[in-house]
Amino acid sequence: MQPVNPKWKDAGLVLVCERCFKERIPEEDPDKAAEIGDFHLRDWLKQRLKDEGHWGKIRAISTSCMDVCARRHVTVCIDPKVAGEEAEVFVVDPVADREELYRTIVARLG
């Protein structure tokens, strides 16, 4: 085993539940799935972080179920890598809440 020092070690990670997008929303709410279409929150966050120069120190990654489910929403965890700061977990509308989520991520981790 070898320790590593990733770029995001001093800022943090954004965990986006993949199960919400791929399974739960399409199964539970086809109308919401149609509204979302091919939009993917993690991919959007990643591109936005890159466009605004935050990618690297902040990473948006897909995760499996975090056991926090809310109909028509996606679970997102902002996990700062700063001593004494706790992770925050949100359920978000992947389309309507994305800008507010992005601002919250940058405020916490940027």
PDB file of N, CA and C in Angstrom:
ATOM      1  N   MET A   1       0.848  -1.169   0.000  1.00  0.00           N
ATOM      2  CA  MET A   1       0.000   0.000   0.000  1.00  0.00           C
ATOM      3  C   MET A   1       0.897   1.237   0.000  1.00  0.00           C
ATOM      4  N   GLN A   2       0.477   2.229  -0.803  1.00  0.00           N
ATOM      5  CA  GLN A   2       1.257   3.458  -0.929  1.00  0.00           C
ATOM      6  C   GLN A   2       0.348   4.667  -0.743  1.00  0.00           C
ATOM      7  N   PRO A   3       0.674   5.558   0.173  1.00  0.00           N
ATOM      8  CA  PRO A   3      -0.158   6.765   0.339  1.00  0.00           C
ATOM      9  C   PRO A   3       0.008   7.709  -0.847  1.00  0.00           C
ATOM     10  N   VAL A   4      -1.057   8.447  -1.144  1.00  0.00           N
ATOM     11  CA  VAL A   4      -1.024   9.415  -2.243  1.00  0.00           C
ATOM     12  C   VAL A   4      -1.541  10.755  -1.730  1.00  0.00           C
ATOM     13  N   ASN A   5      -1.295  11.800  -2.488  1.00  0.00           N
ATOM     14  CA  ASN A   5      -1.713  13.142  -2.102  1.00  0.00           C
ATOM     15  C   ASN A   5      -2.482  13.775  -3.265  1.00  0.00           C
ATOM     16  N   PRO A   6      -3.787  13.437  -3.426  1.00  0.00           N
ATOM     17  CA  PRO A   6      -4.559  13.976  -4.552  1.00  0.00           C
ATOM     18  C   PRO A   6      -4.803  15.473  -4.420  1.00  0.00           C
ATOM     19  N   LYS A   7      -5.080  16.119  -5.545  1.00  0.00           N
ATOM     20  CA  LYS A   7      -5.325  17.564  -5.571  1.00  0.00           C
ATOM     21  C   LYS A   7      -6.485  17.975  -4.678  1.00  0.00           C
ATOM     22  N   TRP A   8      -7.504  17.115  -4.570  1.00  0.00           N
ATOM     23  CA  TRP A   8      -8.705  17.460  -3.801  1.00  0.00           C
ATOM     24  C   TRP A   8      -8.554  17.241  -2.303  1.00  0.00           C
ATOM     25  N   LYS A   9      -7.409  16.767  -1.877  1.00  0.00           N
ATOM     26  CA  LYS A   9      -7.220  16.417  -0.466  1.00  0.00           C
ATOM     27  C   LYS A   9      -7.468  17.596   0.480  1.00  0.00           C
ATOM     28  N   ASP A  10      -7.130  18.810   0.077  1.00  0.00           N
ATOM     29  CA  ASP A  10      -7.293  19.962   0.955  1.00  0.00           C
ATOM     30  C   ASP A  10      -8.615  20.697   0.769  1.00  0.00           C
ATOM     31  N   ALA A  11      -9.392  20.346  -0.244  1.00  0.00           N
ATOM     32  CA  ALA A  11     -10.679  21.019  -0.472  1.00  0.00           C
ATOM     33  C   ALA A  11     -11.821  20.050  -0.200  1.00  0.00           C
ATOM     34  N   GLY A  12     -12.066  19.112  -1.116  1.00  0.00           N
ATOM     35  CA  GLY A  12     -13.115  18.155  -0.840  1.00  0.00           C
ATOM     36  C   GLY A  12     -13.728  17.507  -2.055  1.00  0.00           C
ATOM     37  N   LEU A  13     -14.713  16.688  -1.777  1.00  0.00           N
ATOM     38  CA  LEU A  13     -15.413  15.910  -2.786  1.00  0.00           C
ATOM     39  C   LEU A  13     -16.902  16.237  -2.771  1.00  0.00           C
ATOM     40  N   VAL A  14     -17.508  16.100  -3.943  1.00  0.00           N
ATOM     41  CA  VAL A  14     -18.960  16.177  -4.065  1.00  0.00           C
ATOM     42  C   VAL A  14     -19.410  14.815  -4.572  1.00  0.00           C
ATOM     43  N   LEU A  15     -20.196  14.127  -3.777  1.00  0.00           N
ATOM     44  CA  LEU A  15     -20.666  12.791  -4.115  1.00  0.00           C
ATOM     45  C   LEU A  15     -22.089  12.890  -4.648  1.00  0.00           C
ATOM     46  N   VAL A  16     -22.323  12.363  -5.832  1.00  0.00           N
ATOM     47  CA  VAL A  16     -23.640  12.424  -6.466  1.00  0.00           C
ATOM     48  C   VAL A  16     -24.142  10.992  -6.639  1.00  0.00           C
ATOM     49  N   CYS A  17     -25.311  10.703  -6.089  1.00  0.00           N
ATOM     50  CA  CYS A  17     -25.859   9.351  -6.151  1.00  0.00           C
ATOM     51  C   CYS A  17     -26.207   8.968  -7.593  1.00  0.00           C
ATOM     52  N   GLU A  18     -25.544   7.967  -8.082  1.00  0.00           N
ATOM     53  CA  GLU A  18     -25.781   7.474  -9.435  1.00  0.00           C
ATOM     54  C   GLU A  18     -27.088   6.680  -9.512  1.00  0.00           C
ATOM     55  N   ARG A  19     -27.424   6.002  -8.436  1.00  0.00           N
ATOM     56  CA  ARG A  19     -28.632   5.178  -8.432  1.00  0.00           C
ATOM     57  C   ARG A  19     -29.883   6.027  -8.640  1.00  0.00           C
ATOM     58  N   CYS A  20     -29.881   7.243  -8.087  1.00  0.00           N
ATOM     59  CA  CYS A  20     -31.036   8.133  -8.267  1.00  0.00           C
ATOM     60  C   CYS A  20     -31.309   8.365  -9.754  1.00  0.00           C
ATOM     61  N   PHE A  21     -30.248   8.650 -10.506  1.00  0.00           N
ATOM     62  CA  PHE A  21     -30.396   8.935 -11.933  1.00  0.00           C
ATOM     63  C   PHE A  21     -30.724   7.699 -12.748  1.00  0.00           C
ATOM     64  N   LYS A  22     -29.990   6.636 -12.513  1.00  0.00           N
ATOM     65  CA  LYS A  22     -30.088   5.473 -13.390  1.00  0.00           C
ATOM     66  C   LYS A  22     -31.258   4.553 -13.067  1.00  0.00           C
ATOM     67  N   GLU A  23     -31.674   4.508 -11.806  1.00  0.00           N
ATOM     68  CA  GLU A  23     -32.698   3.533 -11.426  1.00  0.00           C
ATOM     69  C   GLU A  23     -33.936   4.167 -10.801  1.00  0.00           C
ATOM     70  N   ARG A  24     -33.721   4.872  -9.697  1.00  0.00           N
ATOM     71  CA  ARG A  24     -34.861   5.278  -8.882  1.00  0.00           C
ATOM     72  C   ARG A  24     -35.788   6.260  -9.588  1.00  0.00           C
ATOM     73  N   ILE A  25     -35.280   7.367 -10.120  1.00  0.00           N
ATOM     74  CA  ILE A  25     -36.153   8.347 -10.771  1.00  0.00           C
ATOM     75  C   ILE A  25     -36.863   7.738 -11.984  1.00  0.00           C
ATOM     76  N   PRO A  26     -36.173   7.050 -12.889  1.00  0.00           N
ATOM     77  CA  PRO A  26     -36.900   6.461 -14.026  1.00  0.00           C
ATOM     78  C   PRO A  26     -37.974   5.450 -13.607  1.00  0.00           C
ATOM     79  N   GLU A  27     -37.703   4.656 -12.569  1.00  0.00           N
ATOM     80  CA  GLU A  27     -38.678   3.663 -12.126  1.00  0.00           C
ATOM     81  C   GLU A  27     -39.852   4.291 -11.390  1.00  0.00           C
ATOM     82  N   GLU A  28     -39.566   5.260 -10.515  1.00  0.00           N
ATOM     83  CA  GLU A  28     -40.603   5.836  -9.662  1.00  0.00           C
ATOM     84  C   GLU A  28     -41.388   6.960 -10.325  1.00  0.00           C
ATOM     85  N   ASP A  29     -40.742   7.683 -11.233  1.00  0.00           N
ATOM     86  CA  ASP A  29     -41.376   8.881 -11.772  1.00  0.00           C
ATOM     87  C   ASP A  29     -40.948   9.114 -13.222  1.00  0.00           C
ATOM     88  N   PRO A  30     -41.563   8.409 -14.166  1.00  0.00           N
ATOM     89  CA  PRO A  30     -41.194   8.559 -15.569  1.00  0.00           C
ATOM     90  C   PRO A  30     -41.336   9.988 -16.096  1.00  0.00           C
ATOM     91  N   ASP A  31     -42.294  10.757 -15.569  1.00  0.00           N
ATOM     92  CA  ASP A  31     -42.444  12.150 -16.008  1.00  0.00           C
ATOM     93  C   ASP A  31     -41.223  12.983 -15.615  1.00  0.00           C
ATOM     94  N   LYS A  32     -40.728  12.774 -14.400  1.00  0.00           N
ATOM     95  CA  LYS A  32     -39.526  13.482 -13.961  1.00  0.00           C
ATOM     96  C   LYS A  32     -38.327  13.035 -14.787  1.00  0.00           C
ATOM     97  N   ALA A  33     -38.247  11.751 -15.073  1.00  0.00           N
ATOM     98  CA  ALA A  33     -37.145  11.228 -15.891  1.00  0.00           C
ATOM     99  C   ALA A  33     -37.170  11.871 -17.273  1.00  0.00           C
ATOM    100  N   ALA A  34     -38.364  12.049 -17.835  1.00  0.00           N
ATOM    101  CA  ALA A  34     -38.482  12.693 -19.145  1.00  0.00           C
ATOM    102  C   ALA A  34     -38.062  14.158 -19.066  1.00  0.00           C
ATOM    103  N   GLU A  35     -38.403  14.835 -17.964  1.00  0.00           N
ATOM    104  CA  GLU A  35     -37.997  16.229 -17.767  1.00  0.00           C
ATOM    105  C   GLU A  35     -36.471  16.352 -17.696  1.00  0.00           C
ATOM    106  N   ILE A  36     -35.844  15.411 -17.003  1.00  0.00           N
ATOM    107  CA  ILE A  36     -34.384  15.422 -16.865  1.00  0.00           C
ATOM    108  C   ILE A  36     -33.710  15.084 -18.192  1.00  0.00           C
ATOM    109  N   GLY A  37     -34.306  14.154 -18.931  1.00  0.00           N
ATOM    110  CA  GLY A  37     -33.749  13.749 -20.217  1.00  0.00           C
ATOM    111  C   GLY A  37     -32.355  13.181 -20.065  1.00  0.00           C
ATOM    112  N   ASP A  38     -31.435  13.616 -20.929  1.00  0.00           N
ATOM    113  CA  ASP A  38     -30.077  13.073 -20.867  1.00  0.00           C
ATOM    114  C   ASP A  38     -29.154  13.922 -19.990  1.00  0.00           C
ATOM    115  N   PHE A  39     -29.719  14.919 -19.281  1.00  0.00           N
ATOM    116  CA  PHE A  39     -28.937  15.727 -18.349  1.00  0.00           C
ATOM    117  C   PHE A  39     -28.423  14.838 -17.221  1.00  0.00           C
ATOM    118  N   HIS A  40     -27.160  15.022 -16.846  1.00  0.00           N
ATOM    119  CA  HIS A  40     -26.578  14.262 -15.748  1.00  0.00           C
ATOM    120  C   HIS A  40     -25.893  15.251 -14.808  1.00  0.00           C
ATOM    121  N   LEU A  41     -26.348  15.317 -13.579  1.00  0.00           N
ATOM    122  CA  LEU A  41     -25.879  16.306 -12.624  1.00  0.00           C
ATOM    123  C   LEU A  41     -24.372  16.230 -12.390  1.00  0.00           C
ATOM    124  N   ARG A  42     -23.829  15.051 -12.198  1.00  0.00           N
ATOM    125  CA  ARG A  42     -22.399  14.927 -11.951  1.00  0.00           C
ATOM    126  C   ARG A  42     -21.584  15.448 -13.125  1.00  0.00           C
ATOM    127  N   ASP A  43     -21.985  15.095 -14.330  1.00  0.00           N
ATOM    128  CA  ASP A  43     -21.266  15.573 -15.522  1.00  0.00           C
ATOM    129  C   ASP A  43     -21.353  17.093 -15.637  1.00  0.00           C
ATOM    130  N   TRP A  44     -22.535  17.648 -15.349  1.00  0.00           N
ATOM    131  CA  TRP A  44     -22.706  19.100 -15.398  1.00  0.00           C
ATOM    132  C   TRP A  44     -21.826  19.788 -14.363  1.00  0.00           C
ATOM    133  N   LEU A  45     -21.812  19.258 -13.122  1.00  0.00           N
ATOM    134  CA  LEU A  45     -20.970  19.832 -12.080  1.00  0.00           C
ATOM    135  C   LEU A  45     -19.496  19.773 -12.470  1.00  0.00           C
ATOM    136  N   LYS A  46     -19.078  18.639 -12.982  1.00  0.00           N
ATOM    137  CA  LYS A  46     -17.684  18.472 -13.395  1.00  0.00           C
ATOM    138  C   LYS A  46     -17.306  19.521 -14.438  1.00  0.00           C
ATOM    139  N   GLN A  47     -18.129  19.683 -15.451  1.00  0.00           N
ATOM    140  CA  GLN A  47     -17.817  20.650 -16.509  1.00  0.00           C
ATOM    141  C   GLN A  47     -17.828  22.074 -15.970  1.00  0.00           C
ATOM    142  N   ARG A  48     -18.787  22.386 -15.126  1.00  0.00           N
ATOM    143  CA  ARG A  48     -18.880  23.734 -14.555  1.00  0.00           C
ATOM    144  C   ARG A  48     -17.668  24.034 -13.683  1.00  0.00           C
ATOM    145  N   LEU A  49     -17.250  23.056 -12.871  1.00  0.00           N
ATOM    146  CA  LEU A  49     -16.054  23.238 -12.047  1.00  0.00           C
ATOM    147  C   LEU A  49     -14.817  23.451 -12.916  1.00  0.00           C
ATOM    148  N   LYS A  50     -14.734  22.720 -14.015  1.00  0.00           N
ATOM    149  CA  LYS A  50     -13.609  22.909 -14.950  1.00  0.00           C
ATOM    150  C   LYS A  50     -13.650  24.295 -15.574  1.00  0.00           C
ATOM    151  N   ASP A  51     -14.826  24.693 -16.057  1.00  0.00           N
ATOM    152  CA  ASP A  51     -14.976  25.979 -16.734  1.00  0.00           C
ATOM    153  C   ASP A  51     -14.601  27.151 -15.835  1.00  0.00           C
ATOM    154  N   GLU A  52     -14.850  27.006 -14.540  1.00  0.00           N
ATOM    155  CA  GLU A  52     -14.613  28.115 -13.621  1.00  0.00           C
ATOM    156  C   GLU A  52     -13.343  27.939 -12.792  1.00  0.00           C
ATOM    157  N   GLY A  53     -12.494  26.973 -13.185  1.00  0.00           N
ATOM    158  CA  GLY A  53     -11.181  26.828 -12.567  1.00  0.00           C
ATOM    159  C   GLY A  53     -11.134  26.162 -11.208  1.00  0.00           C
ATOM    160  N   HIS A  54     -12.198  25.439 -10.827  1.00  0.00           N
ATOM    161  CA  HIS A  54     -12.220  24.783  -9.520  1.00  0.00           C
ATOM    162  C   HIS A  54     -11.908  23.286  -9.602  1.00  0.00           C
ATOM    163  N   TRP A  55     -11.940  22.732 -10.816  1.00  0.00           N
ATOM    164  CA  TRP A  55     -11.738  21.288 -10.963  1.00  0.00           C
ATOM    165  C   TRP A  55     -10.318  20.938 -10.568  1.00  0.00           C
ATOM    166  N   GLY A  56     -10.170  19.842  -9.911  1.00  0.00           N
ATOM    167  CA  GLY A  56      -8.875  19.407  -9.410  1.00  0.00           C
ATOM    168  C   GLY A  56      -8.908  19.459  -7.900  1.00  0.00           C
ATOM    169  N   LYS A  57      -9.035  20.666  -7.358  1.00  0.00           N
ATOM    170  CA  LYS A  57      -9.123  20.759  -5.902  1.00  0.00           C
ATOM    171  C   LYS A  57     -10.515  20.371  -5.413  1.00  0.00           C
ATOM    172  N   ILE A  58     -11.527  20.484  -6.271  1.00  0.00           N
ATOM    173  CA  ILE A  58     -12.874  19.991  -5.967  1.00  0.00           C
ATOM    174  C   ILE A  58     -13.213  18.945  -7.015  1.00  0.00           C
ATOM    175  N   ARG A  59     -13.627  17.780  -6.570  1.00  0.00           N
ATOM    176  CA  ARG A  59     -13.999  16.709  -7.495  1.00  0.00           C
ATOM    177  C   ARG A  59     -15.454  16.329  -7.286  1.00  0.00           C
ATOM    178  N   ALA A  60     -16.181  16.164  -8.373  1.00  0.00           N
ATOM    179  CA  ALA A  60     -17.546  15.653  -8.341  1.00  0.00           C
ATOM    180  C   ALA A  60     -17.492  14.218  -8.839  1.00  0.00           C
ATOM    181  N   ILE A  61     -17.918  13.290  -8.008  1.00  0.00           N
ATOM    182  CA  ILE A  61     -17.840  11.881  -8.364  1.00  0.00           C
ATOM    183  C   ILE A  61     -19.188  11.199  -8.151  1.00  0.00           C
ATOM    184  N   SER A  62     -19.414  10.140  -8.913  1.00  0.00           N
ATOM    185  CA  SER A  62     -20.625   9.338  -8.759  1.00  0.00           C
ATOM    186  C   SER A  62     -20.412   8.336  -7.640  1.00  0.00           C
ATOM    187  N   THR A  63     -21.483   8.065  -6.929  1.00  0.00           N
ATOM    188  CA  THR A  63     -21.431   7.078  -5.867  1.00  0.00           C
ATOM    189  C   THR A  63     -22.682   6.205  -5.943  1.00  0.00           C
ATOM    190  N   SER A  64     -22.650   5.103  -5.248  1.00  0.00           N
ATOM    191  CA  SER A  64     -23.852   4.279  -5.173  1.00  0.00           C
ATOM    192  C   SER A  64     -24.783   4.872  -4.116  1.00  0.00           C
ATOM    193  N   CYS A  65     -25.851   4.203  -3.835  1.00  0.00           N
ATOM    194  CA  CYS A  65     -26.888   4.704  -2.934  1.00  0.00           C
ATOM    195  C   CYS A  65     -26.310   5.102  -1.577  1.00  0.00           C
ATOM    196  N   MET A  66     -26.690   6.303  -1.139  1.00  0.00           N
ATOM    197  CA  MET A  66     -26.272   6.793   0.183  1.00  0.00           C
ATOM    198  C   MET A  66     -27.372   6.581   1.215  1.00  0.00           C
ATOM    199  N   ASP A  67     -28.447   5.898   0.821  1.00  0.00           N
ATOM    200  CA  ASP A  67     -29.562   5.566   1.705  1.00  0.00           C
ATOM    201  C   ASP A  67     -30.288   6.811   2.227  1.00  0.00           C
ATOM    202  N   VAL A  68     -30.326   7.837   1.381  1.00  0.00           N
ATOM    203  CA  VAL A  68     -31.101   9.050   1.658  1.00  0.00           C
ATOM    204  C   VAL A  68     -31.886   9.304   0.372  1.00  0.00           C
ATOM    205  N   CYS A  69     -33.086   8.799   0.304  1.00  0.00           N
ATOM    206  CA  CYS A  69     -33.850   8.867  -0.935  1.00  0.00           C
ATOM    207  C   CYS A  69     -35.037   9.809  -0.789  1.00  0.00           C
ATOM    208  N   ALA A  70     -35.259  10.606  -1.814  1.00  0.00           N
ATOM    209  CA  ALA A  70     -36.414  11.497  -1.857  1.00  0.00           C
ATOM    210  C   ALA A  70     -36.959  11.474  -3.276  1.00  0.00           C
ATOM    211  N   ARG A  71     -38.225  11.244  -3.406  1.00  0.00           N
ATOM    212  CA  ARG A  71     -38.861  11.145  -4.722  1.00  0.00           C
ATOM    213  C   ARG A  71     -38.545  12.367  -5.586  1.00  0.00           C
ATOM    214  N   ARG A  72     -38.193  12.118  -6.845  1.00  0.00           N
ATOM    215  CA  ARG A  72     -37.914  13.138  -7.858  1.00  0.00           C
ATOM    216  C   ARG A  72     -36.617  13.911  -7.602  1.00  0.00           C
ATOM    217  N   HIS A  73     -35.809  13.484  -6.661  1.00  0.00           N
ATOM    218  CA  HIS A  73     -34.590  14.193  -6.295  1.00  0.00           C
ATOM    219  C   HIS A  73     -33.377  13.271  -6.318  1.00  0.00           C
ATOM    220  N   VAL A  74     -32.207  13.892  -6.286  1.00  0.00           N
ATOM    221  CA  VAL A  74     -30.938  13.182  -6.266  1.00  0.00           C
ATOM    222  C   VAL A  74     -30.207  13.561  -4.983  1.00  0.00           C
ATOM    223  N   THR A  75     -29.618  12.584  -4.331  1.00  0.00           N
ATOM    224  CA  THR A  75     -28.859  12.831  -3.112  1.00  0.00           C
ATOM    225  C   THR A  75     -27.450  13.273  -3.465  1.00  0.00           C
ATOM    226  N   VAL A  76     -27.006  14.351  -2.817  1.00  0.00           N
ATOM    227  CA  VAL A  76     -25.667  14.901  -3.042  1.00  0.00           C
ATOM    228  C   VAL A  76     -25.033  15.154  -1.681  1.00  0.00           C
ATOM    229  N   CYS A  77     -23.778  14.761  -1.537  1.00  0.00           N
ATOM    230  CA  CYS A  77     -23.034  14.998  -0.307  1.00  0.00           C
ATOM    231  C   CYS A  77     -21.833  15.882  -0.627  1.00  0.00           C
ATOM    232  N   ILE A  78     -21.708  16.985   0.095  1.00  0.00           N
ATOM    233  CA  ILE A  78     -20.528  17.845  -0.006  1.00  0.00           C
ATOM    234  C   ILE A  78     -19.651  17.488   1.185  1.00  0.00           C
ATOM    235  N   ASP A  79     -18.494  16.902   0.902  1.00  0.00           N
ATOM    236  CA  ASP A  79     -17.619  16.401   1.953  1.00  0.00           C
ATOM    237  C   ASP A  79     -16.313  17.180   1.964  1.00  0.00           C
ATOM    238  N   PRO A  80     -16.227  18.194   2.829  1.00  0.00           N
ATOM    239  CA  PRO A  80     -14.991  18.978   2.884  1.00  0.00           C
ATOM    240  C   PRO A  80     -13.864  18.181   3.530  1.00  0.00           C
ATOM    241  N   LYS A  81     -12.685  18.396   3.046  1.00  0.00           N
ATOM    242  CA  LYS A  81     -11.513  17.717   3.598  1.00  0.00           C
ATOM    243  C   LYS A  81     -10.738  18.679   4.490  1.00  0.00           C
ATOM    244  N   VAL A  82     -11.479  19.364   5.354  1.00  0.00           N
ATOM    245  CA  VAL A  82     -10.885  20.324   6.274  1.00  0.00           C
ATOM    246  C   VAL A  82     -11.199  19.847   7.686  1.00  0.00           C
ATOM    247  N   ALA A  83     -10.197  19.769   8.524  1.00  0.00           N
ATOM    248  CA  ALA A  83     -10.384  19.290   9.892  1.00  0.00           C
ATOM    249  C   ALA A  83     -11.470  20.097  10.595  1.00  0.00           C
ATOM    250  N   GLY A  84     -12.396  19.403  11.214  1.00  0.00           N
ATOM    251  CA  GLY A  84     -13.444  20.040  11.984  1.00  0.00           C
ATOM    252  C   GLY A  84     -14.698  20.392  11.199  1.00  0.00           C
ATOM    253  N   GLU A  85     -14.672  20.295   9.886  1.00  0.00           N
ATOM    254  CA  GLU A  85     -15.863  20.581   9.090  1.00  0.00           C
ATOM    255  C   GLU A  85     -16.574  19.279   8.748  1.00  0.00           C
ATOM    256  N   GLU A  86     -17.879  19.302   8.883  1.00  0.00           N
ATOM    257  CA  GLU A  86     -18.673  18.105   8.623  1.00  0.00           C
ATOM    258  C   GLU A  86     -19.208  18.102   7.197  1.00  0.00           C
ATOM    259  N   ALA A  87     -19.496  16.912   6.718  1.00  0.00           N
ATOM    260  CA  ALA A  87     -20.147  16.758   5.419  1.00  0.00           C
ATOM    261  C   ALA A  87     -21.581  17.257   5.523  1.00  0.00           C
ATOM    262  N   GLU A  88     -22.107  17.754   4.403  1.00  0.00           N
ATOM    263  CA  GLU A  88     -23.510  18.152   4.318  1.00  0.00           C
ATOM    264  C   GLU A  88     -24.161  17.305   3.233  1.00  0.00           C
ATOM    265  N   VAL A  89     -25.379  16.850   3.500  1.00  0.00           N
ATOM    266  CA  VAL A  89     -26.104  16.024   2.548  1.00  0.00           C
ATOM    267  C   VAL A  89     -27.388  16.750   2.159  1.00  0.00           C
ATOM    268  N   PHE A  90     -27.654  16.787   0.851  1.00  0.00           N
ATOM    269  CA  PHE A  90     -28.826  17.463   0.312  1.00  0.00           C
ATOM    270  C   PHE A  90     -29.578  16.510  -0.610  1.00  0.00           C
ATOM    271  N   VAL A  91     -30.868  16.702  -0.743  1.00  0.00           N
ATOM    272  CA  VAL A  91     -31.622  16.097  -1.828  1.00  0.00           C
ATOM    273  C   VAL A  91     -31.997  17.253  -2.742  1.00  0.00           C
ATOM    274  N   VAL A  92     -31.662  17.124  -4.013  1.00  0.00           N
ATOM    275  CA  VAL A  92     -31.831  18.236  -4.945  1.00  0.00           C
ATOM    276  C   VAL A  92     -32.617  17.814  -6.171  1.00  0.00           C
ATOM    277  N   ASP A  93     -33.358  18.754  -6.703  1.00  0.00           N
ATOM    278  CA  ASP A  93     -33.933  18.568  -8.030  1.00  0.00           C
ATOM    279  C   ASP A  93     -32.758  18.779  -8.979  1.00  0.00           C
ATOM    280  N   PRO A  94     -32.399  17.772  -9.760  1.00  0.00           N
ATOM    281  CA  PRO A  94     -31.174  17.865 -10.553  1.00  0.00           C
ATOM    282  C   PRO A  94     -31.162  18.983 -11.588  1.00  0.00           C
ATOM    283  N   VAL A  95     -32.319  19.456 -11.994  1.00  0.00           N
ATOM    284  CA  VAL A  95     -32.376  20.536 -12.969  1.00  0.00           C
ATOM    285  C   VAL A  95     -32.618  21.874 -12.267  1.00  0.00           C
ATOM    286  N   ALA A  96     -33.674  21.957 -11.483  1.00  0.00           N
ATOM    287  CA  ALA A  96     -34.064  23.227 -10.866  1.00  0.00           C
ATOM    288  C   ALA A  96     -33.080  23.723  -9.814  1.00  0.00           C
ATOM    289  N   ASP A  97     -32.427  22.819  -9.100  1.00  0.00           N
ATOM    290  CA  ASP A  97     -31.547  23.209  -7.995  1.00  0.00           C
ATOM    291  C   ASP A  97     -30.069  23.254  -8.361  1.00  0.00           C
ATOM    292  N   ARG A  98     -29.717  22.985  -9.590  1.00  0.00           N
ATOM    293  CA  ARG A  98     -28.298  22.824  -9.925  1.00  0.00           C
ATOM    294  C   ARG A  98     -27.475  24.084  -9.697  1.00  0.00           C
ATOM    295  N   GLU A  99     -27.990  25.260 -10.025  1.00  0.00           N
ATOM    296  CA  GLU A  99     -27.211  26.495  -9.829  1.00  0.00           C
ATOM    297  C   GLU A  99     -26.991  26.767  -8.339  1.00  0.00           C
ATOM    298  N   GLU A 100     -28.035  26.599  -7.541  1.00  0.00           N
ATOM    299  CA  GLU A 100     -27.893  26.797  -6.091  1.00  0.00           C
ATOM    300  C   GLU A 100     -26.912  25.784  -5.514  1.00  0.00           C
ATOM    301  N   LEU A 101     -26.987  24.543  -5.960  1.00  0.00           N
ATOM    302  CA  LEU A 101     -26.054  23.516  -5.510  1.00  0.00           C
ATOM    303  C   LEU A 101     -24.627  23.911  -5.871  1.00  0.00           C
ATOM    304  N   TYR A 102     -24.417  24.351  -7.102  1.00  0.00           N
ATOM    305  CA  TYR A 102     -23.069  24.745  -7.528  1.00  0.00           C
ATOM    306  C   TYR A 102     -22.534  25.874  -6.636  1.00  0.00           C
ATOM    307  N   ARG A 103     -23.344  26.882  -6.378  1.00  0.00           N
ATOM    308  CA  ARG A 103     -22.902  27.997  -5.526  1.00  0.00           C
ATOM    309  C   ARG A 103     -22.568  27.515  -4.112  1.00  0.00           C
ATOM    310  N   THR A 104     -23.346  26.574  -3.602  1.00  0.00           N
ATOM    311  CA  THR A 104     -23.092  26.025  -2.273  1.00  0.00           C
ATOM    312  C   THR A 104     -21.775  25.261  -2.253  1.00  0.00           C
ATOM    313  N   ILE A 105     -21.520  24.482  -3.289  1.00  0.00           N
ATOM    314  CA  ILE A 105     -20.267  23.722  -3.382  1.00  0.00           C
ATOM    315  C   ILE A 105     -19.075  24.661  -3.394  1.00  0.00           C
ATOM    316  N   VAL A 106     -19.107  25.681  -4.228  1.00  0.00           N
ATOM    317  CA  VAL A 106     -17.984  26.603  -4.331  1.00  0.00           C
ATOM    318  C   VAL A 106     -17.799  27.380  -3.024  1.00  0.00           C
ATOM    319  N   ALA A 107     -18.896  27.746  -2.381  1.00  0.00           N
ATOM    320  CA  ALA A 107     -18.798  28.460  -1.109  1.00  0.00           C
ATOM    321  C   ALA A 107     -18.160  27.583  -0.030  1.00  0.00           C
ATOM    322  N   ARG A 108     -18.504  26.295  -0.017  1.00  0.00           N
ATOM    323  CA  ARG A 108     -17.962  25.384   0.992  1.00  0.00           C
ATOM    324  C   ARG A 108     -16.547  24.938   0.690  1.00  0.00           C
ATOM    325  N   LEU A 109     -16.275  24.654  -0.589  1.00  0.00           N
ATOM    326  CA  LEU A 109     -15.003  23.994  -0.922  1.00  0.00           C
ATOM    327  C   LEU A 109     -14.035  24.873  -1.704  1.00  0.00           C
ATOM    328  N   GLY A 110     -14.537  25.935  -2.332  1.00  0.00           N
ATOM    329  CA  GLY A 110     -13.694  26.748  -3.205  1.00  0.00           C
ATOM    330  C   GLY A 110     -12.830  27.665  -2.422  1.00  0.00           C
TER     331      GLY A 110
END
